[in-house]
């Protein structure tokens, strides 16, 4: 899979969503990345303060019909602020 074909969004239970990966990376293969809301300029920072309860949705779109990719795994870890 070419990572430049991929658009990846994460939606909180509130419906607010952020773009994690916006068709960047050209012809590179195998997108392996971790996002952290504490990292400056992280796309996840827009979801800080959202309720943790409910369904979180990861949406992956392959914008090119030429090749086929596989999502091997993904996970989310939510740590409440103290």
PDB file of N, CA and C in Angstrom:
ATOM      1  N   UNK A   1       0.836  -1.183   0.000  1.00  0.00           N
ATOM      2  CA  UNK A   1       0.000   0.000   0.000  1.00  0.00           C
ATOM      3  C   UNK A   1       0.873   1.235   0.000  1.00  0.00           C
ATOM      4  N   UNK A   2       0.530   2.176  -0.800  1.00  0.00           N
ATOM      5  CA  UNK A   2       1.236   3.456  -0.837  1.00  0.00           C
ATOM      6  C   UNK A   2       0.622   4.374   0.210  1.00  0.00           C
ATOM      7  N   UNK A   3       1.419   4.833   1.155  1.00  0.00           N
ATOM      8  CA  UNK A   3       0.871   5.655   2.237  1.00  0.00           C
ATOM      9  C   UNK A   3       0.321   6.978   1.724  1.00  0.00           C
ATOM     10  N   UNK A   4       0.781   7.413   0.566  1.00  0.00           N
ATOM     11  CA  UNK A   4       0.266   8.642  -0.020  1.00  0.00           C
ATOM     12  C   UNK A   4      -1.166   8.510  -0.515  1.00  0.00           C
ATOM     13  N   UNK A   5      -1.683   7.291  -0.590  1.00  0.00           N
ATOM     14  CA  UNK A   5      -3.069   7.061  -1.003  1.00  0.00           C
ATOM     15  C   UNK A   5      -4.035   7.110   0.177  1.00  0.00           C
ATOM     16  N   UNK A   6      -3.501   7.139   1.402  1.00  0.00           N
ATOM     17  CA  UNK A   6      -4.339   6.948   2.582  1.00  0.00           C
ATOM     18  C   UNK A   6      -4.760   8.251   3.257  1.00  0.00           C
ATOM     19  N   UNK A   7      -6.001   8.272   3.694  1.00  0.00           N
ATOM     20  CA  UNK A   7      -6.527   9.331   4.557  1.00  0.00           C
ATOM     21  C   UNK A   7      -7.083   8.621   5.787  1.00  0.00           C
ATOM     22  N   UNK A   8      -6.610   9.022   6.955  1.00  0.00           N
ATOM     23  CA  UNK A   8      -7.002   8.366   8.196  1.00  0.00           C
ATOM     24  C   UNK A   8      -7.563   9.414   9.154  1.00  0.00           C
ATOM     25  N   UNK A   9      -8.766   9.154   9.649  1.00  0.00           N
ATOM     26  CA  UNK A   9      -9.429  10.052  10.580  1.00  0.00           C
ATOM     27  C   UNK A   9      -9.825   9.291  11.840  1.00  0.00           C
ATOM     28  N   UNK A  10      -9.797   9.991  12.963  1.00  0.00           N
ATOM     29  CA  UNK A  10     -10.258   9.444  14.233  1.00  0.00           C
ATOM     30  C   UNK A  10     -11.395  10.325  14.733  1.00  0.00           C
ATOM     31  N   UNK A  11     -12.521   9.689  15.078  1.00  0.00           N
ATOM     32  CA  UNK A  11     -13.679  10.422  15.587  1.00  0.00           C
ATOM     33  C   UNK A  11     -13.957  10.033  17.024  1.00  0.00           C
ATOM     34  N   UNK A  12     -14.148  11.038  17.862  1.00  0.00           N
ATOM     35  CA  UNK A  12     -14.506  10.840  19.267  1.00  0.00           C
ATOM     36  C   UNK A  12     -15.997  10.533  19.365  1.00  0.00           C
ATOM     37  N   UNK A  13     -16.442  10.028  20.502  1.00  0.00           N
ATOM     38  CA  UNK A  13     -17.868   9.747  20.679  1.00  0.00           C
ATOM     39  C   UNK A  13     -18.761  10.983  20.474  1.00  0.00           C
ATOM     40  N   UNK A  14     -18.210  12.157  20.703  1.00  0.00           N
ATOM     41  CA  UNK A  14     -18.970  13.400  20.524  1.00  0.00           C
ATOM     42  C   UNK A  14     -19.244  13.712  19.053  1.00  0.00           C
ATOM     43  N   UNK A  15     -18.514  13.030  18.148  1.00  0.00           N
ATOM     44  CA  UNK A  15     -18.639  13.307  16.725  1.00  0.00           C
ATOM     45  C   UNK A  15     -17.507  14.165  16.189  1.00  0.00           C
ATOM     46  N   UNK A  16     -16.765  14.815  17.079  1.00  0.00           N
ATOM     47  CA  UNK A  16     -15.616  15.612  16.621  1.00  0.00           C
ATOM     48  C   UNK A  16     -14.559  14.671  16.063  1.00  0.00           C
ATOM     49  N   UNK A  17     -13.991  15.018  14.923  1.00  0.00           N
ATOM     50  CA  UNK A  17     -12.987  14.152  14.314  1.00  0.00           C
ATOM     51  C   UNK A  17     -11.763  14.953  13.907  1.00  0.00           C
ATOM     52  N   UNK A  18     -10.656  14.238  13.759  1.00  0.00           N
ATOM     53  CA  UNK A  18      -9.397  14.840  13.321  1.00  0.00           C
ATOM     54  C   UNK A  18      -8.790  13.969  12.240  1.00  0.00           C
ATOM     55  N   UNK A  19      -8.048  14.581  11.353  1.00  0.00           N
ATOM     56  CA  UNK A  19      -7.308  13.853  10.324  1.00  0.00           C
ATOM     57  C   UNK A  19      -5.942  13.505  10.904  1.00  0.00           C
ATOM     58  N   UNK A  20      -5.664  12.220  10.996  1.00  0.00           N
ATOM     59  CA  UNK A  20      -4.370  11.763  11.488  1.00  0.00           C
ATOM     60  C   UNK A  20      -3.347  11.677  10.366  1.00  0.00           C
ATOM     61  N   UNK A  21      -3.801  11.257   9.203  1.00  0.00           N
ATOM     62  CA  UNK A  21      -2.909  11.110   8.046  1.00  0.00           C
ATOM     63  C   UNK A  21      -3.665  11.567   6.815  1.00  0.00           C
ATOM     64  N   UNK A  22      -3.158  12.575   6.144  1.00  0.00           N
ATOM     65  CA  UNK A  22      -3.869  13.165   5.017  1.00  0.00           C
ATOM     66  C   UNK A  22      -3.184  12.985   3.682  1.00  0.00           C
ATOM     67  N   UNK A  23      -3.035  11.741   3.264  1.00  0.00           N
ATOM     68  CA  UNK A  23      -2.479  11.406   1.950  1.00  0.00           C
ATOM     69  C   UNK A  23      -1.078  11.984   1.736  1.00  0.00           C
ATOM     70  N   UNK A  24      -0.244  11.834   2.738  1.00  0.00           N
ATOM     71  CA  UNK A  24       1.146  12.264   2.651  1.00  0.00           C
ATOM     72  C   UNK A  24       2.043  11.040   2.567  1.00  0.00           C
ATOM     73  N   UNK A  25       3.226  11.206   2.043  1.00  0.00           N
ATOM     74  CA  UNK A  25       4.193  10.111   2.035  1.00  0.00           C
ATOM     75  C   UNK A  25       4.439   9.494   0.681  1.00  0.00           C
ATOM     76  N   UNK A  26       3.727   9.959  -0.332  1.00  0.00           N
ATOM     77  CA  UNK A  26       3.976   9.478  -1.684  1.00  0.00           C
ATOM     78  C   UNK A  26       3.890   7.976  -1.824  1.00  0.00           C
ATOM     79  N   UNK A  27       4.911   7.383  -2.433  1.00  0.00           N
ATOM     80  CA  UNK A  27       4.914   5.951  -2.718  1.00  0.00           C
ATOM     81  C   UNK A  27       5.496   5.085  -1.628  1.00  0.00           C
ATOM     82  N   UNK A  28       5.764   5.665  -0.464  1.00  0.00           N
ATOM     83  CA  UNK A  28       6.308   4.862   0.637  1.00  0.00           C
ATOM     84  C   UNK A  28       5.302   3.796   1.049  1.00  0.00           C
ATOM     85  N   UNK A  29       5.812   2.699   1.573  1.00  0.00           N
ATOM     86  CA  UNK A  29       4.980   1.593   2.036  1.00  0.00           C
ATOM     87  C   UNK A  29       4.930   1.581   3.559  1.00  0.00           C
ATOM     88  N   UNK A  30       3.903   0.920   4.089  1.00  0.00           N
ATOM     89  CA  UNK A  30       3.818   0.581   5.505  1.00  0.00           C
ATOM     90  C   UNK A  30       3.833   1.791   6.441  1.00  0.00           C
ATOM     91  N   UNK A  31       2.688   2.344   6.633  1.00  0.00           N
ATOM     92  CA  UNK A  31       2.525   3.441   7.580  1.00  0.00           C
ATOM     93  C   UNK A  31       2.511   2.863   8.994  1.00  0.00           C
ATOM     94  N   UNK A  32       3.532   3.182   9.753  1.00  0.00           N
ATOM     95  CA  UNK A  32       3.635   2.746  11.143  1.00  0.00           C
ATOM     96  C   UNK A  32       3.889   4.009  11.954  1.00  0.00           C
ATOM     97  N   UNK A  33       2.904   4.401  12.753  1.00  0.00           N
ATOM     98  CA  UNK A  33       3.020   5.675  13.461  1.00  0.00           C
ATOM     99  C   UNK A  33       2.233   5.630  14.767  1.00  0.00           C
ATOM    100  N   UNK A  34       2.680   6.409  15.738  1.00  0.00           N
ATOM    101  CA  UNK A  34       1.961   6.576  17.006  1.00  0.00           C
ATOM    102  C   UNK A  34       1.694   8.064  17.175  1.00  0.00           C
ATOM    103  N   UNK A  35       0.510   8.408  17.606  1.00  0.00           N
ATOM    104  CA  UNK A  35       0.133   9.798  17.835  1.00  0.00           C
ATOM    105  C   UNK A  35      -0.059   9.998  19.330  1.00  0.00           C
ATOM    106  N   UNK A  36       0.311  11.171  19.827  1.00  0.00           N
ATOM    107  CA  UNK A  36       0.217  11.472  21.251  1.00  0.00           C
ATOM    108  C   UNK A  36      -0.332  12.888  21.381  1.00  0.00           C
ATOM    109  N   UNK A  37      -1.426  13.051  22.121  1.00  0.00           N
ATOM    110  CA  UNK A  37      -2.047  14.367  22.244  1.00  0.00           C
ATOM    111  C   UNK A  37      -1.164  15.358  23.004  1.00  0.00           C
ATOM    112  N   UNK A  38      -0.169  14.859  23.734  1.00  0.00           N
ATOM    113  CA  UNK A  38       0.735  15.738  24.473  1.00  0.00           C
ATOM    114  C   UNK A  38       1.848  16.298  23.596  1.00  0.00           C
ATOM    115  N   UNK A  39       2.031  15.740  22.406  1.00  0.00           N
ATOM    116  CA  UNK A  39       3.066  16.200  21.495  1.00  0.00           C
ATOM    117  C   UNK A  39       2.633  17.519  20.853  1.00  0.00           C
ATOM    118  N   UNK A  40       3.513  18.520  20.842  1.00  0.00           N
ATOM    119  CA  UNK A  40       3.145  19.796  20.212  1.00  0.00           C
ATOM    120  C   UNK A  40       2.703  19.594  18.759  1.00  0.00           C
ATOM    121  N   UNK A  41       1.658  20.273  18.379  1.00  0.00           N
ATOM    122  CA  UNK A  41       1.091  20.246  17.030  1.00  0.00           C
ATOM    123  C   UNK A  41       0.480  18.902  16.640  1.00  0.00           C
ATOM    124  N   UNK A  42       0.233  18.035  17.610  1.00  0.00           N
ATOM    125  CA  UNK A  42      -0.396  16.744  17.312  1.00  0.00           C
ATOM    126  C   UNK A  42      -1.836  16.960  16.869  1.00  0.00           C
ATOM    127  N   UNK A  43      -2.293  16.229  15.848  1.00  0.00           N
ATOM    128  CA  UNK A  43      -3.698  16.348  15.453  1.00  0.00           C
ATOM    129  C   UNK A  43      -4.652  15.922  16.570  1.00  0.00           C
ATOM    130  N   UNK A  44      -4.169  15.094  17.486  1.00  0.00           N
ATOM    131  CA  UNK A  44      -5.019  14.633  18.585  1.00  0.00           C
ATOM    132  C   UNK A  44      -5.321  15.727  19.604  1.00  0.00           C
ATOM    133  N   UNK A  45      -4.540  16.799  19.603  1.00  0.00           N
ATOM    134  CA  UNK A  45      -4.771  17.855  20.589  1.00  0.00           C
ATOM    135  C   UNK A  45      -6.171  18.451  20.450  1.00  0.00           C
ATOM    136  N   UNK A  46      -6.764  18.395  19.271  1.00  0.00           N
ATOM    137  CA  UNK A  46      -8.127  18.900  19.060  1.00  0.00           C
ATOM    138  C   UNK A  46      -9.174  18.042  19.760  1.00  0.00           C
ATOM    139  N   UNK A  47      -8.806  16.831  20.173  1.00  0.00           N
ATOM    140  CA  UNK A  47      -9.746  15.946  20.855  1.00  0.00           C
ATOM    141  C   UNK A  47      -9.576  15.972  22.373  1.00  0.00           C
ATOM    142  N   UNK A  48      -8.610  16.720  22.860  1.00  0.00           N
ATOM    143  CA  UNK A  48      -8.421  16.824  24.313  1.00  0.00           C
ATOM    144  C   UNK A  48      -9.661  17.452  24.931  1.00  0.00           C
ATOM    145  N   UNK A  49     -10.080  16.903  26.048  1.00  0.00           N
ATOM    146  CA  UNK A  49     -11.254  17.419  26.734  1.00  0.00           C
ATOM    147  C   UNK A  49     -12.560  16.772  26.303  1.00  0.00           C
ATOM    148  N   UNK A  50     -12.524  15.942  25.272  1.00  0.00           N
ATOM    149  CA  UNK A  50     -13.716  15.230  24.822  1.00  0.00           C
ATOM    150  C   UNK A  50     -14.008  14.083  25.785  1.00  0.00           C
ATOM    151  N   UNK A  51     -15.258  13.702  25.887  1.00  0.00           N
ATOM    152  CA  UNK A  51     -15.620  12.567  26.719  1.00  0.00           C
ATOM    153  C   UNK A  51     -14.954  11.307  26.185  1.00  0.00           C
ATOM    154  N   UNK A  52     -14.456  10.487  27.107  1.00  0.00           N
ATOM    155  CA  UNK A  52     -13.822   9.232  26.718  1.00  0.00           C
ATOM    156  C   UNK A  52     -14.851   8.133  26.502  1.00  0.00           C
ATOM    157  N   UNK A  53     -16.042   8.313  27.063  1.00  0.00           N
ATOM    158  CA  UNK A  53     -17.054   7.266  27.040  1.00  0.00           C
ATOM    159  C   UNK A  53     -17.763   7.207  25.694  1.00  0.00           C
ATOM    160  N   UNK A  54     -17.915   5.998  25.173  1.00  0.00           N
ATOM    161  CA  UNK A  54     -18.622   5.811  23.917  1.00  0.00           C
ATOM    162  C   UNK A  54     -17.733   5.189  22.858  1.00  0.00           C
ATOM    163  N   UNK A  55     -18.233   5.193  21.646  1.00  0.00           N
ATOM    164  CA  UNK A  55     -17.525   4.568  20.529  1.00  0.00           C
ATOM    165  C   UNK A  55     -16.581   5.549  19.850  1.00  0.00           C
ATOM    166  N   UNK A  56     -15.338   5.162  19.766  1.00  0.00           N
ATOM    167  CA  UNK A  56     -14.339   5.891  18.990  1.00  0.00           C
ATOM    168  C   UNK A  56     -14.251   5.201  17.637  1.00  0.00           C
ATOM    169  N   UNK A  57     -14.134   5.971  16.575  1.00  0.00           N
ATOM    170  CA  UNK A  57     -14.147   5.401  15.231  1.00  0.00           C
ATOM    171  C   UNK A  57     -12.895   5.807  14.465  1.00  0.00           C
ATOM    172  N   UNK A  58     -12.202   4.820  13.911  1.00  0.00           N
ATOM    173  CA  UNK A  58     -11.075   5.067  13.025  1.00  0.00           C
ATOM    174  C   UNK A  58     -11.568   4.823  11.610  1.00  0.00           C
ATOM    175  N   UNK A  59     -11.391   5.803  10.737  1.00  0.00           N
ATOM    176  CA  UNK A  59     -11.822   5.684   9.342  1.00  0.00           C
ATOM    177  C   UNK A  59     -10.583   5.757   8.451  1.00  0.00           C
ATOM    178  N   UNK A  60     -10.381   4.719   7.656  1.00  0.00           N
ATOM    179  CA  UNK A  60      -9.242   4.659   6.743  1.00  0.00           C
ATOM    180  C   UNK A  60      -9.786   4.604   5.320  1.00  0.00           C
ATOM    181  N   UNK A  61      -9.344   5.539   4.488  1.00  0.00           N
ATOM    182  CA  UNK A  61      -9.775   5.597   3.093  1.00  0.00           C
ATOM    183  C   UNK A  61      -8.555   5.448   2.208  1.00  0.00           C
ATOM    184  N   UNK A  62      -8.633   4.524   1.257  1.00  0.00           N
ATOM    185  CA  UNK A  62      -7.598   4.361   0.233  1.00  0.00           C
ATOM    186  C   UNK A  62      -8.115   5.081  -0.999  1.00  0.00           C
ATOM    187  N   UNK A  63      -7.483   6.200  -1.348  1.00  0.00           N
ATOM    188  CA  UNK A  63      -7.969   7.048  -2.436  1.00  0.00           C
ATOM    189  C   UNK A  63      -7.549   6.565  -3.818  1.00  0.00           C
ATOM    190  N   UNK A  64      -6.865   5.447  -3.907  1.00  0.00           N
ATOM    191  CA  UNK A  64      -6.437   4.906  -5.204  1.00  0.00           C
ATOM    192  C   UNK A  64      -6.936   3.473  -5.333  1.00  0.00           C
ATOM    193  N   UNK A  65      -7.545   3.171  -6.458  1.00  0.00           N
ATOM    194  CA  UNK A  65      -8.116   1.834  -6.663  1.00  0.00           C
ATOM    195  C   UNK A  65      -7.111   0.852  -7.262  1.00  0.00           C
ATOM    196  N   UNK A  66      -5.894   1.297  -7.512  1.00  0.00           N
ATOM    197  CA  UNK A  66      -4.911   0.468  -8.213  1.00  0.00           C
ATOM    198  C   UNK A  66      -4.361  -0.653  -7.337  1.00  0.00           C
ATOM    199  N   UNK A  67      -4.085  -0.359  -6.091  1.00  0.00           N
ATOM    200  CA  UNK A  67      -3.484  -1.366  -5.227  1.00  0.00           C
ATOM    201  C   UNK A  67      -4.364  -1.597  -3.999  1.00  0.00           C
ATOM    202  N   UNK A  68      -4.030  -2.627  -3.245  1.00  0.00           N
ATOM    203  CA  UNK A  68      -4.827  -3.007  -2.080  1.00  0.00           C
ATOM    204  C   UNK A  68      -3.912  -3.061  -0.866  1.00  0.00           C
ATOM    205  N   UNK A  69      -4.412  -2.567   0.267  1.00  0.00           N
ATOM    206  CA  UNK A  69      -3.639  -2.608   1.501  1.00  0.00           C
ATOM    207  C   UNK A  69      -4.409  -3.321   2.584  1.00  0.00           C
ATOM    208  N   UNK A  70      -3.763  -3.521   3.705  1.00  0.00           N
ATOM    209  CA  UNK A  70      -4.364  -4.204   4.836  1.00  0.00           C
ATOM    210  C   UNK A  70      -4.056  -3.427   6.103  1.00  0.00           C
ATOM    211  N   UNK A  71      -5.079  -3.204   6.911  1.00  0.00           N
ATOM    212  CA  UNK A  71      -4.878  -2.636   8.234  1.00  0.00           C
ATOM    213  C   UNK A  71      -4.618  -3.804   9.168  1.00  0.00           C
ATOM    214  N   UNK A  72      -3.387  -3.921   9.648  1.00  0.00           N
ATOM    215  CA  UNK A  72      -3.020  -5.051  10.495  1.00  0.00           C
ATOM    216  C   UNK A  72      -3.480  -4.872  11.932  1.00  0.00           C
ATOM    217  N   UNK A  73      -3.344  -3.676  12.465  1.00  0.00           N
ATOM    218  CA  UNK A  73      -3.836  -3.432  13.815  1.00  0.00           C
ATOM    219  C   UNK A  73      -3.842  -1.943  14.097  1.00  0.00           C
ATOM    220  N   UNK A  74      -4.682  -1.583  15.064  1.00  0.00           N
ATOM    221  CA  UNK A  74      -4.664  -0.234  15.599  1.00  0.00           C
ATOM    222  C   UNK A  74      -5.185  -0.320  17.015  1.00  0.00           C
ATOM    223  N   UNK A  75      -4.812   0.641  17.806  1.00  0.00           N
ATOM    224  CA  UNK A  75      -5.292   0.672  19.186  1.00  0.00           C
ATOM    225  C   UNK A  75      -5.361   2.113  19.643  1.00  0.00           C
ATOM    226  N   UNK A  76      -6.090   2.299  20.731  1.00  0.00           N
ATOM    227  CA  UNK A  76      -6.210   3.618  21.333  1.00  0.00           C
ATOM    228  C   UNK A  76      -6.047   3.455  22.829  1.00  0.00           C
ATOM    229  N   UNK A  77      -5.259   4.320  23.417  1.00  0.00           N
ATOM    230  CA  UNK A  77      -5.085   4.322  24.865  1.00  0.00           C
ATOM    231  C   UNK A  77      -5.479   5.708  25.354  1.00  0.00           C
ATOM    232  N   UNK A  78      -6.459   5.744  26.237  1.00  0.00           N
ATOM    233  CA  UNK A  78      -6.946   7.013  26.762  1.00  0.00           C
ATOM    234  C   UNK A  78      -6.629   7.060  28.245  1.00  0.00           C
ATOM    235  N   UNK A  79      -5.896   8.088  28.628  1.00  0.00           N
ATOM    236  CA  UNK A  79      -5.519   8.264  30.011  1.00  0.00           C
ATOM    237  C   UNK A  79      -6.165   9.557  30.492  1.00  0.00           C
ATOM    238  N   UNK A  80      -7.077   9.464  31.452  1.00  0.00           N
ATOM    239  CA  UNK A  80      -7.749  10.681  31.916  1.00  0.00           C
ATOM    240  C   UNK A  80      -6.796  11.614  32.642  1.00  0.00           C
ATOM    241  N   UNK A  81      -7.042  12.922  32.491  1.00  0.00           N
ATOM    242  CA  UNK A  81      -6.253  13.908  33.204  1.00  0.00           C
ATOM    243  C   UNK A  81      -6.567  13.840  34.694  1.00  0.00           C
ATOM    244  N   UNK A  82      -5.567  14.054  35.491  1.00  0.00           N
ATOM    245  CA  UNK A  82      -5.770  14.018  36.951  1.00  0.00           C
ATOM    246  C   UNK A  82      -6.134  15.378  37.478  1.00  0.00           C
TER     247      UNK A  82
END
